[in-house]
Amino acid sequence: MPGPLLHLGATVMCAHGGTATPTAPNPRVMVSGQPTTVMPMPWVVAGCPLNVSGAPMPCVTANWVVAATRVFSNGQPVVLMDSQAVCVPNGTPLIPSAAQTRVIGS
């Protein structure tokens, strides 16, 4: 499905409210003056408050499992607003909530 490309300044959170940021933005393609992100690079999650049965198990990192199928940079699929990611170690999703809207990919 088409969607806006995620970039370094996009607002992405884990399902519990932690803030996710890319570990290695892709400076090869810029949107809104900021680098985009590609699928294989993990994201780090900060401030996840998840606590299961008294044992903390917060989101630490996340990996994108579904990304663009037709837009690539450096041979890697770019991450879109509707892409899907899984947090480690608990398997919950990342939720993109705000990104640039000028460049759409699929």
N, C-alpha and C. Protein backbone atom coordinates (compact mmCIF):
# COMPACT_ATOMS: atom_id res chain seq x y z
N MET A 1 0.83 -1.17 0.00
CA MET A 1 0.00 0.00 0.00
C MET A 1 0.88 1.25 0.00
N PRO A 2 0.53 2.26 -0.73
CA PRO A 2 1.35 3.48 -0.73
C PRO A 2 1.26 4.22 0.60
N GLY A 3 2.35 4.87 0.93
CA GLY A 3 2.38 5.66 2.15
C GLY A 3 3.57 6.60 2.15
N PRO A 4 3.54 7.62 2.99
CA PRO A 4 4.67 8.55 3.10
C PRO A 4 5.93 7.84 3.58
N LEU A 5 7.09 8.25 3.08
CA LEU A 5 8.37 7.71 3.54
C LEU A 5 8.66 8.23 4.94
N LEU A 6 9.17 7.34 5.80
CA LEU A 6 9.59 7.77 7.13
C LEU A 6 10.99 8.37 7.04
N HIS A 7 11.22 9.39 7.83
CA HIS A 7 12.52 10.04 7.85
C HIS A 7 12.99 10.18 9.30
N LEU A 8 14.18 10.70 9.48
CA LEU A 8 14.77 10.81 10.81
C LEU A 8 13.88 11.57 11.78
N GLY A 9 13.16 12.57 11.32
CA GLY A 9 12.32 13.38 12.20
C GLY A 9 10.91 12.86 12.40
N ALA A 10 10.58 11.70 11.85
CA ALA A 10 9.24 11.13 12.00
C ALA A 10 8.99 10.74 13.45
N THR A 11 7.73 10.81 13.87
CA THR A 11 7.35 10.39 15.21
C THR A 11 6.91 8.93 15.15
N VAL A 12 7.70 8.07 15.80
CA VAL A 12 7.41 6.63 15.83
C VAL A 12 7.52 6.19 17.28
N MET A 13 6.49 5.45 17.74
CA MET A 13 6.47 4.99 19.13
C MET A 13 6.20 3.50 19.19
N CYS A 14 6.64 2.87 20.28
CA CYS A 14 6.26 1.48 20.50
C CYS A 14 4.81 1.48 20.99
N ALA A 15 4.21 0.33 21.06
CA ALA A 15 2.81 0.23 21.45
C ALA A 15 2.55 0.70 22.89
N HIS A 16 3.61 0.84 23.67
CA HIS A 16 3.47 1.25 25.08
C HIS A 16 3.81 2.71 25.31
N GLY A 17 4.26 3.41 24.27
CA GLY A 17 4.54 4.84 24.40
C GLY A 17 6.01 5.21 24.41
N GLY A 18 6.91 4.24 24.22
CA GLY A 18 8.33 4.55 24.12
C GLY A 18 8.64 5.19 22.77
N THR A 19 9.65 6.02 22.70
CA THR A 19 10.02 6.71 21.47
C THR A 19 11.06 5.90 20.70
N ALA A 20 10.80 5.68 19.40
CA ALA A 20 11.71 4.91 18.56
C ALA A 20 12.44 5.83 17.59
N THR A 21 13.75 5.57 17.42
CA THR A 21 14.56 6.34 16.48
C THR A 21 15.46 5.38 15.70
N PRO A 22 15.75 5.71 14.44
CA PRO A 22 16.60 4.82 13.63
C PRO A 22 18.05 4.86 14.10
N THR A 23 18.72 3.71 14.04
CA THR A 23 20.13 3.65 14.43
C THR A 23 21.03 4.13 13.30
N ALA A 24 20.59 3.97 12.07
CA ALA A 24 21.42 4.35 10.92
C ALA A 24 20.53 4.95 9.83
N PRO A 25 20.24 6.26 9.91
CA PRO A 25 19.45 6.89 8.84
C PRO A 25 20.18 6.79 7.50
N ASN A 26 19.43 6.88 6.42
CA ASN A 26 19.95 6.73 5.07
C ASN A 26 20.16 8.11 4.43
N PRO A 27 21.36 8.67 4.47
CA PRO A 27 21.58 10.02 3.95
C PRO A 27 21.54 10.10 2.42
N ARG A 28 21.45 8.97 1.75
CA ARG A 28 21.42 8.94 0.29
C ARG A 28 20.14 9.56 -0.27
N VAL A 29 19.02 9.39 0.46
CA VAL A 29 17.74 9.96 0.05
C VAL A 29 17.23 10.86 1.17
N MET A 30 16.99 12.12 0.83
CA MET A 30 16.53 13.09 1.83
C MET A 30 15.09 13.51 1.50
N VAL A 31 14.27 13.65 2.54
CA VAL A 31 12.92 14.20 2.40
C VAL A 31 12.74 15.22 3.52
N SER A 32 12.15 16.34 3.19
CA SER A 32 11.98 17.43 4.16
C SER A 32 13.30 17.79 4.83
N GLY A 33 14.39 17.66 4.09
CA GLY A 33 15.71 18.02 4.60
C GLY A 33 16.30 17.02 5.58
N GLN A 34 15.69 15.84 5.72
CA GLN A 34 16.18 14.84 6.65
C GLN A 34 16.35 13.50 5.96
N PRO A 35 17.30 12.68 6.42
CA PRO A 35 17.52 11.37 5.78
C PRO A 35 16.35 10.42 6.01
N THR A 36 16.11 9.57 5.02
CA THR A 36 15.08 8.53 5.14
C THR A 36 15.65 7.35 5.91
N THR A 37 14.84 6.31 6.06
CA THR A 37 15.29 5.09 6.72
C THR A 37 15.01 3.89 5.81
N VAL A 38 15.83 2.85 5.95
CA VAL A 38 15.65 1.63 5.16
C VAL A 38 15.40 0.45 6.09
N MET A 39 14.80 -0.59 5.55
CA MET A 39 14.30 -1.70 6.35
C MET A 39 15.33 -2.45 7.19
N PRO A 40 16.48 -2.83 6.70
CA PRO A 40 17.33 -3.71 7.52
C PRO A 40 17.91 -3.06 8.77
N MET A 41 17.92 -1.75 8.85
CA MET A 41 18.53 -1.09 9.99
C MET A 41 17.59 -1.11 11.21
N PRO A 42 18.07 -1.56 12.36
CA PRO A 42 17.21 -1.58 13.56
C PRO A 42 16.96 -0.18 14.10
N TRP A 43 15.92 -0.04 14.88
CA TRP A 43 15.59 1.20 15.58
C TRP A 43 15.75 0.94 17.06
N VAL A 44 16.12 1.96 17.82
CA VAL A 44 16.20 1.84 19.27
C VAL A 44 14.96 2.48 19.88
N VAL A 45 14.51 1.90 20.97
CA VAL A 45 13.31 2.40 21.66
C VAL A 45 13.74 2.90 23.04
N ALA A 46 13.39 4.13 23.35
CA ALA A 46 13.72 4.72 24.65
C ALA A 46 12.44 5.05 25.41
N GLY A 47 12.45 4.82 26.68
CA GLY A 47 11.33 5.22 27.54
C GLY A 47 10.13 4.30 27.50
N CYS A 48 10.28 3.04 27.13
CA CYS A 48 9.15 2.11 27.13
C CYS A 48 8.83 1.72 28.57
N PRO A 49 7.59 1.94 29.03
CA PRO A 49 7.24 1.66 30.42
C PRO A 49 6.70 0.25 30.68
N LEU A 50 6.76 -0.66 29.70
CA LEU A 50 6.14 -1.97 29.86
C LEU A 50 6.70 -2.74 31.04
N ASN A 51 5.80 -3.29 31.84
CA ASN A 51 6.16 -4.09 33.00
C ASN A 51 5.18 -5.26 33.06
N VAL A 52 5.65 -6.48 32.84
CA VAL A 52 4.79 -7.66 32.81
C VAL A 52 4.93 -8.44 34.11
N SER A 53 3.85 -8.56 34.86
CA SER A 53 3.83 -9.33 36.11
C SER A 53 4.96 -8.94 37.05
N GLY A 54 5.27 -7.67 37.15
CA GLY A 54 6.31 -7.21 38.05
C GLY A 54 7.71 -7.33 37.51
N ALA A 55 7.89 -8.05 36.39
CA ALA A 55 9.22 -8.19 35.78
C ALA A 55 9.29 -7.25 34.58
N PRO A 56 10.18 -6.28 34.60
CA PRO A 56 10.26 -5.36 33.47
C PRO A 56 10.68 -6.06 32.18
N MET A 57 9.98 -5.78 31.12
CA MET A 57 10.29 -6.34 29.81
C MET A 57 10.03 -5.26 28.76
N PRO A 58 10.68 -4.11 28.88
CA PRO A 58 10.40 -3.01 27.96
C PRO A 58 10.95 -3.26 26.56
N CYS A 59 10.37 -2.55 25.61
CA CYS A 59 10.89 -2.58 24.24
C CYS A 59 12.28 -1.95 24.25
N VAL A 60 13.23 -2.59 23.59
CA VAL A 60 14.60 -2.09 23.56
C VAL A 60 14.99 -1.69 22.14
N THR A 61 14.73 -2.58 21.19
CA THR A 61 14.99 -2.31 19.78
C THR A 61 13.78 -2.78 18.98
N ALA A 62 13.77 -2.43 17.69
CA ALA A 62 12.71 -2.88 16.80
C ALA A 62 13.29 -3.10 15.42
N ASN A 63 12.75 -4.08 14.72
CA ASN A 63 13.16 -4.38 13.35
C ASN A 63 11.95 -4.32 12.45
N TRP A 64 12.10 -3.66 11.32
CA TRP A 64 11.01 -3.57 10.34
C TRP A 64 10.94 -4.88 9.58
N VAL A 65 9.75 -5.43 9.46
CA VAL A 65 9.55 -6.71 8.77
C VAL A 65 8.80 -6.53 7.45
N VAL A 66 8.10 -5.41 7.28
CA VAL A 66 7.40 -5.09 6.03
C VAL A 66 7.73 -3.64 5.69
N ALA A 67 8.20 -3.42 4.46
CA ALA A 67 8.54 -2.06 4.02
C ALA A 67 8.11 -1.92 2.56
N ALA A 68 8.62 -0.90 1.89
CA ALA A 68 8.25 -0.64 0.50
C ALA A 68 8.61 -1.82 -0.39
N THR A 69 7.79 -2.04 -1.40
CA THR A 69 8.07 -3.10 -2.37
C THR A 69 8.56 -2.56 -3.70
N ARG A 70 8.40 -1.24 -3.90
CA ARG A 70 8.79 -0.65 -5.18
C ARG A 70 9.78 0.51 -5.07
N VAL A 71 10.07 0.96 -3.86
CA VAL A 71 11.00 2.08 -3.68
C VAL A 71 12.18 1.61 -2.84
N PHE A 72 13.38 1.74 -3.42
CA PHE A 72 14.59 1.25 -2.77
C PHE A 72 15.65 2.35 -2.74
N SER A 73 16.54 2.26 -1.77
CA SER A 73 17.71 3.13 -1.70
C SER A 73 18.89 2.27 -1.32
N ASN A 74 19.96 2.36 -2.10
CA ASN A 74 21.14 1.51 -1.88
C ASN A 74 20.77 0.03 -1.87
N GLY A 75 19.77 -0.33 -2.67
CA GLY A 75 19.34 -1.72 -2.77
C GLY A 75 18.46 -2.21 -1.64
N GLN A 76 18.09 -1.34 -0.71
CA GLN A 76 17.28 -1.72 0.43
C GLN A 76 15.92 -1.03 0.36
N PRO A 77 14.83 -1.70 0.76
CA PRO A 77 13.51 -1.05 0.74
C PRO A 77 13.43 0.06 1.78
N VAL A 78 12.83 1.18 1.39
CA VAL A 78 12.65 2.28 2.34
C VAL A 78 11.47 1.97 3.25
N VAL A 79 11.46 2.59 4.43
CA VAL A 79 10.40 2.38 5.41
C VAL A 79 9.30 3.41 5.15
N LEU A 80 8.06 2.93 5.10
CA LEU A 80 6.90 3.78 4.85
C LEU A 80 6.07 3.93 6.13
N MET A 81 5.16 4.88 6.10
CA MET A 81 4.28 5.12 7.24
C MET A 81 3.44 3.87 7.59
N ASP A 82 3.12 3.05 6.59
CA ASP A 82 2.32 1.86 6.85
C ASP A 82 3.16 0.58 6.96
N SER A 83 4.48 0.72 7.06
CA SER A 83 5.35 -0.44 7.25
C SER A 83 5.11 -1.04 8.64
N GLN A 84 5.53 -2.29 8.81
CA GLN A 84 5.31 -2.98 10.07
C GLN A 84 6.64 -3.36 10.70
N ALA A 85 6.71 -3.18 12.03
CA ALA A 85 7.92 -3.52 12.77
C ALA A 85 7.56 -4.32 14.01
N VAL A 86 8.53 -5.07 14.51
CA VAL A 86 8.35 -5.88 15.71
C VAL A 86 9.43 -5.48 16.72
N CYS A 87 8.99 -5.18 17.94
CA CYS A 87 9.91 -4.80 19.02
C CYS A 87 10.54 -6.03 19.66
N VAL A 88 11.79 -5.87 20.09
CA VAL A 88 12.51 -6.91 20.81
C VAL A 88 12.66 -6.42 22.24
N PRO A 89 12.36 -7.18 23.25
CA PRO A 89 12.16 -8.62 23.28
C PRO A 89 10.71 -9.08 23.35
N ASN A 90 9.73 -8.18 23.30
CA ASN A 90 8.36 -8.60 23.58
C ASN A 90 7.44 -8.76 22.36
N GLY A 91 7.87 -8.42 21.16
CA GLY A 91 7.09 -8.68 19.96
C GLY A 91 5.95 -7.72 19.66
N THR A 92 5.89 -6.59 20.33
CA THR A 92 4.84 -5.62 20.06
C THR A 92 5.22 -4.74 18.87
N PRO A 93 4.26 -4.03 18.26
CA PRO A 93 4.57 -3.26 17.05
C PRO A 93 5.09 -1.85 17.35
N LEU A 94 5.72 -1.26 16.33
CA LEU A 94 6.01 0.18 16.33
C LEU A 94 4.84 0.86 15.64
N ILE A 95 4.54 2.09 16.07
CA ILE A 95 3.41 2.82 15.49
C ILE A 95 3.89 4.19 15.01
N PRO A 96 4.06 4.36 13.69
CA PRO A 96 4.40 5.68 13.17
C PRO A 96 3.17 6.59 13.27
N SER A 97 3.33 7.78 13.83
CA SER A 97 2.18 8.67 13.98
C SER A 97 2.32 9.98 13.22
N ALA A 98 3.53 10.38 12.87
CA ALA A 98 3.71 11.63 12.12
C ALA A 98 4.96 11.53 11.25
N ALA A 99 4.83 11.91 10.00
CA ALA A 99 5.96 11.91 9.07
C ALA A 99 5.71 12.99 8.01
N GLN A 100 6.70 13.21 7.18
CA GLN A 100 6.53 14.14 6.08
C GLN A 100 5.45 13.60 5.14
N THR A 101 4.80 14.45 4.39
CA THR A 101 3.69 14.01 3.52
C THR A 101 3.93 14.30 2.04
N ARG A 102 5.09 14.84 1.69
CA ARG A 102 5.33 15.20 0.29
C ARG A 102 5.75 14.04 -0.58
N VAL A 103 6.48 13.06 -0.02
CA VAL A 103 6.99 11.94 -0.82
C VAL A 103 6.28 10.67 -0.40
N ILE A 104 5.60 10.05 -1.38
CA ILE A 104 4.83 8.84 -1.16
C ILE A 104 5.52 7.70 -1.89
N GLY A 105 5.61 6.54 -1.24
CA GLY A 105 6.19 5.37 -1.87
C GLY A 105 5.25 4.19 -1.74
N SER A 106 5.58 3.13 -2.46
CA SER A 106 4.78 1.90 -2.32
C SER A 106 5.68 0.69 -2.39
